[in-house]
């Protein structure tokens, strides 16, 4: 499912000027500007480490992730985070271009199970839209869903990095290399979401320089402070 995100975004992306202008509108009092939106996506696909999760956003870009891991006895995971202005504007632009998420599901026989994706998009100044699908040929909707999958991936990756930092520091090298490739390939979206986790790696002088350097680069690419 997480394919061609970078290519599709290059077609559907907004200009730097649009990003700046729209983010200012969104950031009105209590995030209730005319360009704000609420968004929910729930994802279910058996066989994954986290086969069921849900992400919700309020108009100011604050998000909540709830995941239900497959591992027996594993506790529910709940994380709050904040989207970058760029990601927030890209999502809104894509969903506004999706024609109210219509068409939604692509009814083609023999498609593999790519996971059930249920979305609800509610712009502050606009009409609510809902859609549930395994696969859609609606390109803006498809790309928005891929971005949300990439956001969930980033949150789950942040949790994994925190666990490795506590219990298996040597494992951080390979994991950070994998994350760097995932960000470059579009499978992981908005590294600023896990900025606190990355900062903790940068500050830990006992870690390998490669790990800390990659954390610095991800923070720089996300345009967020290293925290010192």
N, C-alpha and C. Protein backbone atom coordinates (compact mmCIF):
# COMPACT_ATOMS: atom_id res chain seq x y z
N UNK A 1 0.82 -1.20 0.00
CA UNK A 1 0.00 0.00 0.00
C UNK A 1 0.85 1.25 0.00
N UNK A 2 2.03 1.18 0.73
CA UNK A 2 2.84 2.37 0.82
C UNK A 2 3.77 2.47 -0.38
N UNK A 3 3.20 2.71 -1.57
CA UNK A 3 4.01 2.79 -2.76
C UNK A 3 3.78 4.11 -3.44
N UNK A 4 4.81 4.62 -4.13
CA UNK A 4 4.73 5.80 -4.97
C UNK A 4 4.25 7.04 -4.23
N UNK A 5 4.44 7.10 -2.91
CA UNK A 5 4.00 8.28 -2.17
C UNK A 5 4.72 9.52 -2.66
N UNK A 6 6.05 9.42 -2.80
CA UNK A 6 6.81 10.59 -3.21
C UNK A 6 6.41 11.07 -4.59
N UNK A 7 6.16 10.11 -5.53
CA UNK A 7 5.78 10.47 -6.89
C UNK A 7 4.43 11.15 -6.91
N UNK A 8 3.47 10.57 -6.21
CA UNK A 8 2.14 11.14 -6.20
C UNK A 8 2.12 12.51 -5.54
N UNK A 9 2.89 12.66 -4.48
CA UNK A 9 2.91 13.96 -3.80
C UNK A 9 3.53 15.03 -4.68
N UNK A 10 4.48 14.64 -5.56
CA UNK A 10 5.07 15.62 -6.44
C UNK A 10 4.05 16.17 -7.41
N UNK A 11 3.04 15.37 -7.74
CA UNK A 11 1.98 15.81 -8.64
C UNK A 11 0.96 16.64 -7.90
N UNK A 12 0.67 16.24 -6.65
CA UNK A 12 -0.44 16.84 -5.92
C UNK A 12 -0.01 17.83 -4.86
N UNK A 13 1.29 18.06 -4.72
CA UNK A 13 1.77 18.91 -3.63
C UNK A 13 1.42 20.36 -3.86
N UNK A 14 1.47 21.13 -2.78
CA UNK A 14 1.20 22.56 -2.87
C UNK A 14 2.51 23.31 -2.81
N UNK A 15 2.53 24.54 -3.29
CA UNK A 15 3.75 25.34 -3.32
C UNK A 15 4.12 25.81 -1.93
N UNK A 16 5.35 26.28 -1.79
CA UNK A 16 5.79 26.78 -0.50
C UNK A 16 4.93 27.94 -0.04
N UNK A 17 4.55 28.80 -0.98
CA UNK A 17 3.71 29.94 -0.62
C UNK A 17 2.36 29.48 -0.11
N UNK A 18 1.80 28.43 -0.76
CA UNK A 18 0.50 27.92 -0.32
C UNK A 18 0.61 27.33 1.07
N UNK A 19 1.70 26.59 1.33
CA UNK A 19 1.90 25.99 2.64
C UNK A 19 1.94 27.06 3.71
N UNK A 20 2.71 28.13 3.44
CA UNK A 20 2.83 29.21 4.41
C UNK A 20 1.49 29.87 4.66
N UNK A 21 0.76 30.20 3.59
CA UNK A 21 -0.51 30.89 3.75
C UNK A 21 -1.55 30.04 4.43
N UNK A 22 -1.63 28.77 4.05
CA UNK A 22 -2.65 27.90 4.61
C UNK A 22 -2.36 27.60 6.07
N UNK A 23 -1.08 27.41 6.42
CA UNK A 23 -0.77 27.10 7.81
C UNK A 23 -1.13 28.28 8.70
N UNK A 24 -1.00 29.50 8.20
CA UNK A 24 -1.38 30.65 9.00
C UNK A 24 -2.88 30.65 9.25
N UNK A 25 -3.67 30.23 8.24
CA UNK A 25 -5.11 30.19 8.41
C UNK A 25 -5.51 29.13 9.42
N UNK A 26 -4.85 27.97 9.34
CA UNK A 26 -5.15 26.88 10.26
C UNK A 26 -4.84 27.26 11.70
N UNK A 27 -3.77 28.03 11.89
CA UNK A 27 -3.32 28.34 13.23
C UNK A 27 -4.06 29.50 13.87
N UNK A 28 -5.32 29.68 13.53
CA UNK A 28 -6.14 30.72 14.15
C UNK A 28 -6.45 30.37 15.59
N UNK A 29 -7.30 31.18 16.25
CA UNK A 29 -7.65 30.91 17.64
C UNK A 29 -8.13 29.49 17.85
N UNK A 30 -7.44 28.78 18.75
CA UNK A 30 -7.77 27.40 19.09
C UNK A 30 -7.78 26.49 17.86
N UNK A 31 -7.01 26.87 16.83
CA UNK A 31 -6.90 26.01 15.65
C UNK A 31 -8.16 25.92 14.84
N UNK A 32 -9.10 26.86 15.01
CA UNK A 32 -10.40 26.74 14.34
C UNK A 32 -10.47 27.61 13.09
N UNK A 33 -9.32 27.85 12.42
CA UNK A 33 -9.33 28.63 11.19
C UNK A 33 -10.13 27.93 10.12
N UNK A 34 -10.47 28.69 9.08
CA UNK A 34 -11.33 28.16 8.02
C UNK A 34 -10.72 26.97 7.31
N UNK A 35 -9.39 26.84 7.36
CA UNK A 35 -8.73 25.73 6.67
C UNK A 35 -8.42 24.57 7.61
N UNK A 36 -8.88 24.61 8.85
CA UNK A 36 -8.66 23.50 9.77
C UNK A 36 -9.55 22.33 9.43
N UNK A 37 -9.24 21.17 10.03
CA UNK A 37 -10.05 19.98 9.78
C UNK A 37 -9.87 18.98 10.91
N UNK A 38 -10.86 18.14 11.04
CA UNK A 38 -10.74 16.95 11.87
C UNK A 38 -10.58 15.77 10.93
N UNK A 39 -9.83 14.77 11.35
CA UNK A 39 -9.57 13.62 10.50
C UNK A 39 -9.40 12.39 11.37
N UNK A 40 -9.99 11.29 10.94
CA UNK A 40 -9.82 10.02 11.63
C UNK A 40 -9.54 8.95 10.58
N UNK A 41 -8.58 8.09 10.86
CA UNK A 41 -8.37 6.90 10.04
C UNK A 41 -8.16 5.71 10.96
N UNK A 42 -8.90 4.64 10.69
CA UNK A 42 -8.74 3.38 11.41
C UNK A 42 -8.26 2.34 10.41
N UNK A 43 -7.28 1.55 10.82
CA UNK A 43 -6.65 0.58 9.93
C UNK A 43 -6.66 -0.80 10.57
N UNK A 44 -7.04 -1.80 9.78
CA UNK A 44 -7.05 -3.18 10.27
C UNK A 44 -6.47 -4.09 9.19
N UNK A 45 -5.46 -4.86 9.57
CA UNK A 45 -4.88 -5.86 8.68
C UNK A 45 -4.23 -6.96 9.51
N UNK A 46 -4.87 -8.11 9.62
CA UNK A 46 -4.32 -9.23 10.40
C UNK A 46 -2.94 -9.63 9.89
N UNK A 47 -2.10 -10.08 10.83
CA UNK A 47 -0.77 -10.56 10.47
C UNK A 47 0.34 -9.57 10.71
N UNK A 48 0.00 -8.31 10.96
CA UNK A 48 1.02 -7.31 11.23
C UNK A 48 1.33 -7.25 12.72
N UNK A 49 2.50 -6.73 13.11
CA UNK A 49 2.79 -6.58 14.55
C UNK A 49 1.75 -5.73 15.27
N UNK A 50 1.25 -4.71 14.56
CA UNK A 50 0.13 -3.91 15.09
C UNK A 50 -0.99 -4.00 14.04
N UNK A 51 -1.85 -5.01 14.15
CA UNK A 51 -2.85 -5.25 13.11
C UNK A 51 -4.04 -4.29 13.15
N UNK A 52 -4.14 -3.49 14.19
CA UNK A 52 -5.29 -2.59 14.32
C UNK A 52 -4.83 -1.31 15.03
N UNK A 53 -5.05 -0.18 14.36
CA UNK A 53 -4.74 1.10 15.00
C UNK A 53 -5.70 2.17 14.51
N UNK A 54 -5.70 3.29 15.25
CA UNK A 54 -6.55 4.42 14.88
C UNK A 54 -5.79 5.71 15.14
N UNK A 55 -5.90 6.65 14.19
CA UNK A 55 -5.32 7.97 14.33
C UNK A 55 -6.43 9.00 14.20
N UNK A 56 -6.41 10.00 15.08
CA UNK A 56 -7.38 11.08 15.02
C UNK A 56 -6.66 12.41 15.13
N UNK A 57 -7.13 13.43 14.38
CA UNK A 57 -6.57 14.77 14.44
C UNK A 57 -7.67 15.78 14.74
N UNK A 58 -7.31 16.82 15.47
CA UNK A 58 -8.19 17.97 15.67
C UNK A 58 -7.66 19.11 14.80
N UNK A 59 -8.42 20.19 14.63
CA UNK A 59 -8.04 21.21 13.65
C UNK A 59 -6.66 21.85 13.80
N UNK A 60 -6.10 21.89 15.00
CA UNK A 60 -4.79 22.53 15.14
C UNK A 60 -3.63 21.59 14.80
N UNK A 61 -3.93 20.38 14.36
CA UNK A 61 -2.89 19.43 13.98
C UNK A 61 -2.46 18.48 15.07
N UNK A 62 -3.03 18.61 16.26
CA UNK A 62 -2.73 17.67 17.33
C UNK A 62 -3.37 16.31 17.01
N UNK A 63 -2.60 15.26 17.16
CA UNK A 63 -3.09 13.93 16.83
C UNK A 63 -2.97 12.96 17.99
N UNK A 64 -3.79 11.93 17.93
CA UNK A 64 -3.73 10.84 18.90
C UNK A 64 -3.67 9.53 18.15
N UNK A 65 -2.73 8.70 18.51
CA UNK A 65 -2.58 7.36 17.92
C UNK A 65 -2.91 6.34 19.00
N UNK A 66 -3.75 5.38 18.66
CA UNK A 66 -4.04 4.25 19.55
C UNK A 66 -3.79 2.98 18.75
N UNK A 67 -2.92 2.12 19.25
CA UNK A 67 -2.60 0.87 18.57
C UNK A 67 -2.84 -0.33 19.46
N UNK A 68 -3.28 -1.41 18.84
CA UNK A 68 -3.54 -2.65 19.56
C UNK A 68 -2.61 -3.73 19.01
N UNK A 69 -1.44 -3.94 19.65
CA UNK A 69 -0.46 -4.90 19.15
C UNK A 69 -1.00 -6.33 19.14
N UNK A 70 -0.44 -7.13 18.23
CA UNK A 70 -0.89 -8.52 18.10
C UNK A 70 -0.32 -9.41 19.20
N UNK A 71 0.80 -9.05 19.76
CA UNK A 71 1.46 -9.89 20.76
C UNK A 71 0.55 -10.12 21.95
N UNK A 72 0.40 -11.37 22.33
CA UNK A 72 -0.47 -11.73 23.44
C UNK A 72 -0.05 -11.01 24.71
N UNK A 73 -1.01 -10.39 25.36
CA UNK A 73 -0.74 -9.70 26.61
C UNK A 73 -0.19 -8.30 26.46
N UNK A 74 0.09 -7.88 25.22
CA UNK A 74 0.64 -6.54 25.01
C UNK A 74 -0.42 -5.48 25.29
N UNK A 75 -0.01 -4.43 25.94
CA UNK A 75 -0.95 -3.37 26.30
C UNK A 75 -1.24 -2.46 25.12
N UNK A 76 -2.39 -1.85 25.15
CA UNK A 76 -2.75 -0.83 24.16
C UNK A 76 -1.72 0.29 24.19
N UNK A 77 -1.36 0.78 23.03
CA UNK A 77 -0.39 1.87 22.92
C UNK A 77 -1.14 3.15 22.56
N UNK A 78 -0.91 4.21 23.34
CA UNK A 78 -1.55 5.49 23.05
C UNK A 78 -0.49 6.58 23.04
N UNK A 79 -0.43 7.33 21.95
CA UNK A 79 0.54 8.40 21.82
C UNK A 79 -0.15 9.67 21.30
N UNK A 80 0.22 10.81 21.87
CA UNK A 80 -0.21 12.09 21.33
C UNK A 80 0.97 12.73 20.61
N UNK A 81 0.70 13.44 19.54
CA UNK A 81 1.77 14.04 18.74
C UNK A 81 1.21 15.24 18.00
N UNK A 82 2.09 15.93 17.27
CA UNK A 82 1.66 17.10 16.51
C UNK A 82 2.25 17.04 15.11
N UNK A 83 1.41 17.24 14.11
CA UNK A 83 1.87 17.24 12.73
C UNK A 83 2.59 18.55 12.41
N UNK A 84 3.53 18.46 11.49
CA UNK A 84 4.14 19.68 10.96
C UNK A 84 3.11 20.41 10.10
N UNK A 85 3.30 21.71 9.93
CA UNK A 85 2.41 22.48 9.07
C UNK A 85 2.40 21.92 7.64
N UNK A 86 3.57 21.52 7.16
CA UNK A 86 3.67 21.01 5.79
C UNK A 86 2.83 19.75 5.61
N UNK A 87 2.95 18.81 6.54
CA UNK A 87 2.18 17.56 6.44
C UNK A 87 0.69 17.83 6.56
N UNK A 88 0.34 18.73 7.46
CA UNK A 88 -1.08 19.05 7.67
C UNK A 88 -1.69 19.65 6.41
N UNK A 89 -0.96 20.56 5.76
CA UNK A 89 -1.46 21.20 4.54
C UNK A 89 -1.53 20.20 3.39
N UNK A 90 -0.55 19.31 3.29
CA UNK A 90 -0.58 18.29 2.24
C UNK A 90 -1.79 17.37 2.41
N UNK A 91 -2.05 16.95 3.64
CA UNK A 91 -3.21 16.10 3.87
C UNK A 91 -4.51 16.81 3.51
N UNK A 92 -4.64 18.06 3.94
CA UNK A 92 -5.86 18.80 3.64
C UNK A 92 -6.03 19.00 2.14
N UNK A 93 -4.92 19.32 1.45
CA UNK A 93 -4.96 19.53 0.01
C UNK A 93 -5.41 18.26 -0.72
N UNK A 94 -4.84 17.13 -0.31
CA UNK A 94 -5.19 15.85 -0.93
C UNK A 94 -6.66 15.49 -0.68
N UNK A 95 -7.11 15.65 0.55
CA UNK A 95 -8.49 15.27 0.87
C UNK A 95 -9.49 16.22 0.22
N UNK A 96 -9.13 17.50 0.12
CA UNK A 96 -10.01 18.44 -0.59
C UNK A 96 -10.10 18.10 -2.07
N UNK A 97 -9.02 17.51 -2.61
CA UNK A 97 -9.00 17.15 -4.03
C UNK A 97 -9.62 15.78 -4.30
N UNK A 98 -10.07 15.08 -3.25
CA UNK A 98 -10.56 13.70 -3.41
C UNK A 98 -12.02 13.62 -3.80
N UNK A 99 -12.67 14.77 -4.04
CA UNK A 99 -14.08 14.78 -4.43
C UNK A 99 -14.97 14.14 -3.37
N UNK A 100 -14.75 14.55 -2.11
CA UNK A 100 -15.55 13.97 -1.03
C UNK A 100 -15.30 12.49 -0.85
N UNK A 101 -14.04 12.04 -1.16
CA UNK A 101 -13.65 10.63 -1.10
C UNK A 101 -14.48 9.77 -2.04
N UNK A 102 -14.86 10.33 -3.17
CA UNK A 102 -15.62 9.59 -4.17
C UNK A 102 -14.89 9.65 -5.51
N UNK A 103 -14.71 8.49 -6.19
CA UNK A 103 -15.10 7.16 -5.73
C UNK A 103 -14.25 6.69 -4.55
N UNK A 104 -14.80 5.76 -3.80
CA UNK A 104 -14.13 5.26 -2.61
C UNK A 104 -13.50 3.90 -2.91
N UNK A 105 -14.18 2.83 -2.61
CA UNK A 105 -13.65 1.48 -2.82
C UNK A 105 -13.60 1.14 -4.31
N UNK A 106 -12.52 0.46 -4.71
CA UNK A 106 -12.41 -0.06 -6.07
C UNK A 106 -12.88 -1.51 -6.07
N UNK A 107 -13.96 -1.78 -6.79
CA UNK A 107 -14.55 -3.12 -6.77
C UNK A 107 -13.97 -3.96 -7.91
N UNK A 108 -12.78 -4.47 -7.67
CA UNK A 108 -12.12 -5.35 -8.63
C UNK A 108 -11.86 -6.68 -7.94
N UNK A 109 -12.26 -7.76 -8.59
CA UNK A 109 -12.07 -9.08 -7.99
C UNK A 109 -10.59 -9.47 -7.96
N UNK A 110 -10.24 -10.24 -6.95
CA UNK A 110 -8.90 -10.81 -6.87
C UNK A 110 -7.84 -9.91 -6.27
N UNK A 111 -8.22 -8.73 -5.76
CA UNK A 111 -7.23 -7.86 -5.13
C UNK A 111 -6.76 -8.45 -3.80
N UNK A 112 -5.48 -8.32 -3.52
CA UNK A 112 -4.94 -8.80 -2.25
C UNK A 112 -5.49 -7.96 -1.11
N UNK A 113 -5.47 -8.52 0.09
CA UNK A 113 -5.91 -7.79 1.27
C UNK A 113 -4.81 -6.81 1.66
N UNK A 114 -5.06 -5.53 1.41
CA UNK A 114 -4.09 -4.48 1.74
C UNK A 114 -4.43 -3.78 3.05
N UNK A 115 -5.45 -4.30 3.73
CA UNK A 115 -5.87 -3.70 4.98
C UNK A 115 -7.08 -2.81 4.79
N UNK A 116 -8.02 -2.91 5.72
CA UNK A 116 -9.21 -2.06 5.66
C UNK A 116 -8.88 -0.70 6.24
N UNK A 117 -9.15 0.33 5.44
CA UNK A 117 -8.87 1.71 5.85
C UNK A 117 -10.21 2.45 5.92
N UNK A 118 -10.56 2.94 7.09
CA UNK A 118 -11.80 3.69 7.29
C UNK A 118 -11.44 5.12 7.66
N UNK A 119 -11.90 6.08 6.85
CA UNK A 119 -11.55 7.48 7.05
C UNK A 119 -12.80 8.34 7.25
N UNK A 120 -12.64 9.36 8.06
CA UNK A 120 -13.65 10.41 8.19
C UNK A 120 -12.91 11.74 8.15
N UNK A 121 -13.31 12.60 7.21
CA UNK A 121 -12.69 13.90 7.03
C UNK A 121 -13.74 14.97 7.26
N UNK A 122 -13.48 15.90 8.18
CA UNK A 122 -14.46 16.92 8.54
C UNK A 122 -13.79 18.29 8.55
N UNK A 123 -13.75 18.98 7.40
CA UNK A 123 -13.18 20.33 7.38
C UNK A 123 -14.03 21.29 8.18
N UNK A 124 -13.39 22.25 8.86
CA UNK A 124 -14.13 23.21 9.67
C UNK A 124 -15.13 23.96 8.82
N UNK A 125 -14.71 24.37 7.63
CA UNK A 125 -15.62 25.06 6.71
C UNK A 125 -15.82 24.18 5.49
N UNK A 126 -16.71 23.20 5.59
CA UNK A 126 -16.94 22.29 4.48
C UNK A 126 -17.85 21.15 4.88
N UNK A 127 -17.93 20.15 4.01
CA UNK A 127 -18.83 19.02 4.20
C UNK A 127 -18.05 17.79 4.66
N UNK A 128 -18.58 17.09 5.66
CA UNK A 128 -17.94 15.87 6.13
C UNK A 128 -17.98 14.80 5.05
N UNK A 129 -16.96 13.92 5.06
CA UNK A 129 -16.91 12.81 4.12
C UNK A 129 -16.38 11.58 4.84
N UNK A 130 -16.90 10.41 4.49
CA UNK A 130 -16.45 9.15 5.07
C UNK A 130 -16.20 8.14 3.95
N UNK A 131 -15.33 7.18 4.23
CA UNK A 131 -14.99 6.18 3.21
C UNK A 131 -14.28 5.01 3.88
N UNK A 132 -14.58 3.79 3.46
CA UNK A 132 -13.89 2.59 3.91
C UNK A 132 -13.49 1.78 2.69
N UNK A 133 -12.23 1.37 2.64
CA UNK A 133 -11.79 0.65 1.44
C UNK A 133 -10.57 -0.22 1.73
N UNK A 134 -10.41 -1.22 0.88
CA UNK A 134 -9.19 -2.02 0.84
C UNK A 134 -8.22 -1.38 -0.15
N UNK A 135 -8.76 -0.98 -1.32
CA UNK A 135 -7.96 -0.32 -2.34
C UNK A 135 -8.84 0.68 -3.06
N UNK A 136 -8.28 1.83 -3.40
CA UNK A 136 -9.03 2.85 -4.13
C UNK A 136 -8.20 3.36 -5.30
N UNK A 137 -8.87 3.67 -6.40
CA UNK A 137 -8.23 4.30 -7.55
C UNK A 137 -8.37 5.82 -7.51
N UNK A 138 -8.96 6.33 -6.44
CA UNK A 138 -9.04 7.77 -6.21
C UNK A 138 -7.65 8.22 -5.74
N UNK A 139 -6.85 8.80 -6.63
CA UNK A 139 -5.44 9.05 -6.35
C UNK A 139 -5.20 9.97 -5.15
N UNK A 140 -5.92 11.10 -5.03
CA UNK A 140 -5.68 11.93 -3.83
C UNK A 140 -6.01 11.19 -2.54
N UNK A 141 -7.11 10.41 -2.55
CA UNK A 141 -7.49 9.63 -1.37
C UNK A 141 -6.45 8.56 -1.08
N UNK A 142 -6.01 7.88 -2.12
CA UNK A 142 -4.98 6.84 -1.99
C UNK A 142 -3.71 7.43 -1.36
N UNK A 143 -3.29 8.59 -1.84
CA UNK A 143 -2.06 9.21 -1.34
C UNK A 143 -2.23 9.68 0.10
N UNK A 144 -3.40 10.26 0.42
CA UNK A 144 -3.66 10.69 1.80
C UNK A 144 -3.61 9.50 2.75
N UNK A 145 -4.20 8.38 2.34
CA UNK A 145 -4.18 7.18 3.17
C UNK A 145 -2.75 6.67 3.34
N UNK A 146 -1.96 6.72 2.28
CA UNK A 146 -0.56 6.32 2.38
C UNK A 146 0.21 7.21 3.35
N UNK A 147 -0.09 8.51 3.32
CA UNK A 147 0.57 9.42 4.27
C UNK A 147 0.20 9.06 5.70
N UNK A 148 -1.05 8.73 5.93
CA UNK A 148 -1.49 8.35 7.28
C UNK A 148 -0.84 7.04 7.72
N UNK A 149 -0.69 6.11 6.78
CA UNK A 149 0.04 4.88 7.08
C UNK A 149 1.49 5.21 7.45
N UNK A 150 2.08 6.18 6.74
CA UNK A 150 3.44 6.59 7.03
C UNK A 150 3.58 7.28 8.37
N UNK A 151 2.54 8.02 8.77
CA UNK A 151 2.53 8.66 10.09
C UNK A 151 2.46 7.61 11.19
N UNK A 152 1.57 6.61 11.00
CA UNK A 152 1.49 5.52 11.98
C UNK A 152 2.81 4.76 12.06
N UNK A 153 3.44 4.53 10.91
CA UNK A 153 4.74 3.86 10.88
C UNK A 153 5.76 4.65 11.69
N UNK A 154 5.74 5.98 11.53
CA UNK A 154 6.70 6.81 12.26
C UNK A 154 6.48 6.72 13.77
N UNK A 155 5.23 6.73 14.19
CA UNK A 155 4.93 6.64 15.62
C UNK A 155 5.39 5.29 16.18
N UNK A 156 5.09 4.22 15.45
CA UNK A 156 5.50 2.88 15.88
C UNK A 156 7.02 2.76 15.90
N UNK A 157 7.67 3.42 14.93
CA UNK A 157 9.14 3.39 14.88
C UNK A 157 9.72 4.15 16.07
N UNK A 158 9.09 5.25 16.46
CA UNK A 158 9.55 5.99 17.63
C UNK A 158 9.50 5.14 18.88
N UNK A 159 8.44 4.38 19.02
CA UNK A 159 8.32 3.50 20.17
C UNK A 159 9.41 2.42 20.15
N UNK A 160 9.69 1.90 18.96
CA UNK A 160 10.74 0.87 18.84
C UNK A 160 12.11 1.44 19.20
N UNK A 161 12.38 2.67 18.74
CA UNK A 161 13.66 3.30 19.07
C UNK A 161 13.81 3.51 20.57
N UNK A 162 12.74 3.90 21.23
CA UNK A 162 12.78 4.09 22.68
C UNK A 162 13.08 2.78 23.40
N UNK A 163 12.49 1.68 22.93
CA UNK A 163 12.74 0.38 23.55
C UNK A 163 14.19 -0.05 23.34
N UNK A 164 14.69 0.15 22.11
CA UNK A 164 16.08 -0.20 21.84
C UNK A 164 17.05 0.66 22.66
N UNK A 165 16.71 1.92 22.82
CA UNK A 165 17.56 2.81 23.61
C UNK A 165 17.67 2.33 25.05
N UNK A 166 16.62 1.76 25.55
CA UNK A 166 16.62 1.27 26.93
C UNK A 166 17.28 -0.10 27.07
N UNK A 167 16.98 -0.99 26.12
CA UNK A 167 17.33 -2.40 26.33
C UNK A 167 18.33 -2.99 25.34
N UNK A 168 18.56 -2.34 24.20
CA UNK A 168 19.45 -2.94 23.19
C UNK A 168 20.09 -1.82 22.36
N UNK A 169 20.98 -1.09 22.94
CA UNK A 169 21.56 0.07 22.28
C UNK A 169 22.30 -0.27 20.99
N UNK A 170 22.88 -1.45 20.95
CA UNK A 170 23.59 -1.86 19.72
C UNK A 170 22.62 -2.01 18.56
N UNK A 171 21.37 -2.32 18.86
CA UNK A 171 20.37 -2.48 17.80
C UNK A 171 19.92 -1.17 17.18
N UNK A 172 20.29 -0.05 17.81
CA UNK A 172 19.87 1.24 17.30
C UNK A 172 20.51 1.57 15.95
N UNK A 173 21.71 1.09 15.72
CA UNK A 173 22.42 1.43 14.47
C UNK A 173 21.63 0.95 13.25
N UNK A 174 21.27 -0.33 13.24
CA UNK A 174 20.52 -0.88 12.10
C UNK A 174 19.13 -0.26 12.01
N UNK A 175 18.52 -0.01 13.15
CA UNK A 175 17.16 0.54 13.14
C UNK A 175 17.15 1.97 12.60
N UNK A 176 18.12 2.76 12.98
CA UNK A 176 18.19 4.13 12.48
C UNK A 176 18.50 4.16 10.98
N UNK A 177 19.32 3.24 10.53
CA UNK A 177 19.60 3.15 9.11
C UNK A 177 18.34 2.79 8.34
N UNK A 178 17.57 1.86 8.88
CA UNK A 178 16.31 1.45 8.26
C UNK A 178 15.31 2.61 8.24
N UNK A 179 15.23 3.36 9.33
CA UNK A 179 14.31 4.49 9.39
C UNK A 179 14.70 5.57 8.38
N UNK A 180 15.98 5.84 8.27
CA UNK A 180 16.45 6.84 7.32
C UNK A 180 16.03 6.47 5.90
N UNK A 181 16.14 5.21 5.54
CA UNK A 181 15.73 4.75 4.21
C UNK A 181 14.21 4.84 4.05
N UNK A 182 13.47 4.52 5.12
CA UNK A 182 12.01 4.59 5.05
C UNK A 182 11.53 6.02 4.84
N UNK A 183 12.19 6.98 5.49
CA UNK A 183 11.83 8.39 5.30
C UNK A 183 12.14 8.82 3.87
N UNK A 184 13.31 8.44 3.38
CA UNK A 184 13.71 8.81 2.02
C UNK A 184 12.76 8.20 0.98
N UNK A 185 12.25 7.00 1.27
CA UNK A 185 11.37 6.32 0.33
C UNK A 185 9.89 6.66 0.49
N UNK A 186 9.55 7.46 1.51
CA UNK A 186 8.17 7.86 1.72
C UNK A 186 7.34 6.90 2.54
N UNK A 187 7.94 5.82 3.05
CA UNK A 187 7.19 4.88 3.88
C UNK A 187 6.99 5.41 5.30
N UNK A 188 7.86 6.31 5.73
CA UNK A 188 7.74 6.95 7.05
C UNK A 188 7.58 8.45 6.81
N UNK A 189 6.60 9.06 7.46
CA UNK A 189 6.24 10.45 7.18
C UNK A 189 6.40 11.33 8.42
N UNK A 190 7.01 12.50 8.23
CA UNK A 190 7.08 13.56 9.25
C UNK A 190 7.89 13.15 10.48
N UNK A 191 9.25 13.10 10.35
CA UNK A 191 10.09 12.71 11.50
C UNK A 191 9.91 13.60 12.72
N UNK A 192 9.42 14.82 12.52
CA UNK A 192 9.20 15.71 13.66
C UNK A 192 8.23 15.14 14.67
N UNK A 193 7.40 14.19 14.25
CA UNK A 193 6.45 13.53 15.15
C UNK A 193 7.18 12.87 16.32
N UNK A 194 8.37 12.33 16.06
CA UNK A 194 9.13 11.65 17.11
C UNK A 194 10.35 12.47 17.50
N UNK A 195 10.23 13.79 17.44
CA UNK A 195 11.37 14.67 17.73
C UNK A 195 11.97 14.42 19.11
N UNK A 196 11.13 14.24 20.12
CA UNK A 196 11.65 14.03 21.48
C UNK A 196 12.49 12.76 21.55
N UNK A 197 12.04 11.72 20.86
CA UNK A 197 12.80 10.46 20.84
C UNK A 197 14.14 10.66 20.16
N UNK A 198 14.14 11.34 19.01
CA UNK A 198 15.39 11.60 18.29
C UNK A 198 16.33 12.47 19.10
N UNK A 199 15.79 13.47 19.78
CA UNK A 199 16.63 14.34 20.62
C UNK A 199 17.31 13.54 21.74
N UNK A 200 16.58 12.57 22.29
CA UNK A 200 17.17 11.77 23.37
C UNK A 200 18.35 10.96 22.86
N UNK A 201 18.31 10.56 21.59
CA UNK A 201 19.44 9.84 21.00
C UNK A 201 20.61 10.78 20.76
N UNK A 202 20.32 11.97 20.27
CA UNK A 202 21.38 12.95 20.00
C UNK A 202 22.13 13.30 21.29
N UNK A 203 21.41 13.44 22.38
CA UNK A 203 22.00 13.88 23.66
C UNK A 203 22.80 12.79 24.36
N UNK A 204 22.57 11.53 23.97
CA UNK A 204 23.23 10.42 24.67
C UNK A 204 24.61 10.18 24.05
N UNK A 205 25.63 10.69 24.70
CA UNK A 205 26.99 10.60 24.17
C UNK A 205 27.56 9.19 24.23
N UNK A 206 26.87 8.28 24.90
CA UNK A 206 27.35 6.90 24.97
C UNK A 206 26.97 6.10 23.73
N UNK A 207 26.11 6.65 22.88
CA UNK A 207 25.67 5.95 21.68
C UNK A 207 26.69 6.12 20.56
N UNK A 208 26.63 5.23 19.57
CA UNK A 208 27.51 5.33 18.41
C UNK A 208 27.29 6.65 17.69
N UNK A 209 28.36 7.20 17.15
CA UNK A 209 28.25 8.47 16.43
C UNK A 209 27.31 8.36 15.24
N UNK A 210 27.29 7.19 14.59
CA UNK A 210 26.41 7.01 13.43
C UNK A 210 24.94 7.17 13.83
N UNK A 211 24.58 6.63 14.98
CA UNK A 211 23.21 6.73 15.47
C UNK A 211 22.85 8.18 15.74
N UNK A 212 23.72 8.88 16.43
CA UNK A 212 23.45 10.27 16.78
C UNK A 212 23.42 11.16 15.54
N UNK A 213 24.32 10.89 14.58
CA UNK A 213 24.37 11.68 13.36
C UNK A 213 23.09 11.51 12.54
N UNK A 214 22.59 10.30 12.48
CA UNK A 214 21.35 10.07 11.74
C UNK A 214 20.17 10.75 12.43
N UNK A 215 20.18 10.74 13.75
CA UNK A 215 19.11 11.42 14.49
C UNK A 215 19.16 12.92 14.22
N UNK A 216 20.37 13.49 14.20
CA UNK A 216 20.52 14.92 13.90
C UNK A 216 19.99 15.23 12.51
N UNK A 217 20.33 14.40 11.53
CA UNK A 217 19.89 14.64 10.15
C UNK A 217 18.37 14.58 10.03
N UNK A 218 17.74 13.62 10.70
CA UNK A 218 16.28 13.52 10.64
C UNK A 218 15.63 14.75 11.26
N UNK A 219 16.20 15.23 12.36
CA UNK A 219 15.66 16.45 12.99
C UNK A 219 15.85 17.65 12.07
N UNK A 220 17.00 17.76 11.45
CA UNK A 220 17.27 18.87 10.53
C UNK A 220 16.33 18.81 9.33
N UNK A 221 16.15 17.64 8.77
CA UNK A 221 15.26 17.49 7.61
C UNK A 221 13.81 17.83 7.97
N UNK A 222 13.44 17.56 9.25
CA UNK A 222 12.09 17.87 9.70
C UNK A 222 11.93 19.34 10.06
N UNK A 223 13.05 20.06 10.11
CA UNK A 223 12.99 21.48 10.43
C UNK A 223 12.67 21.77 11.88
N UNK A 224 13.05 20.86 12.78
CA UNK A 224 12.78 21.07 14.20
C UNK A 224 14.10 21.19 14.96
N UNK A 225 14.05 21.81 16.11
CA UNK A 225 15.24 22.06 16.92
C UNK A 225 15.81 20.76 17.48
N UNK A 226 17.13 20.72 17.61
CA UNK A 226 17.78 19.57 18.24
C UNK A 226 17.65 19.62 19.76
N UNK A 227 17.19 20.73 20.28
CA UNK A 227 16.91 20.82 21.70
C UNK A 227 18.07 21.26 22.58
N UNK A 228 19.19 21.66 21.95
CA UNK A 228 20.31 22.16 22.75
C UNK A 228 21.20 23.02 21.89
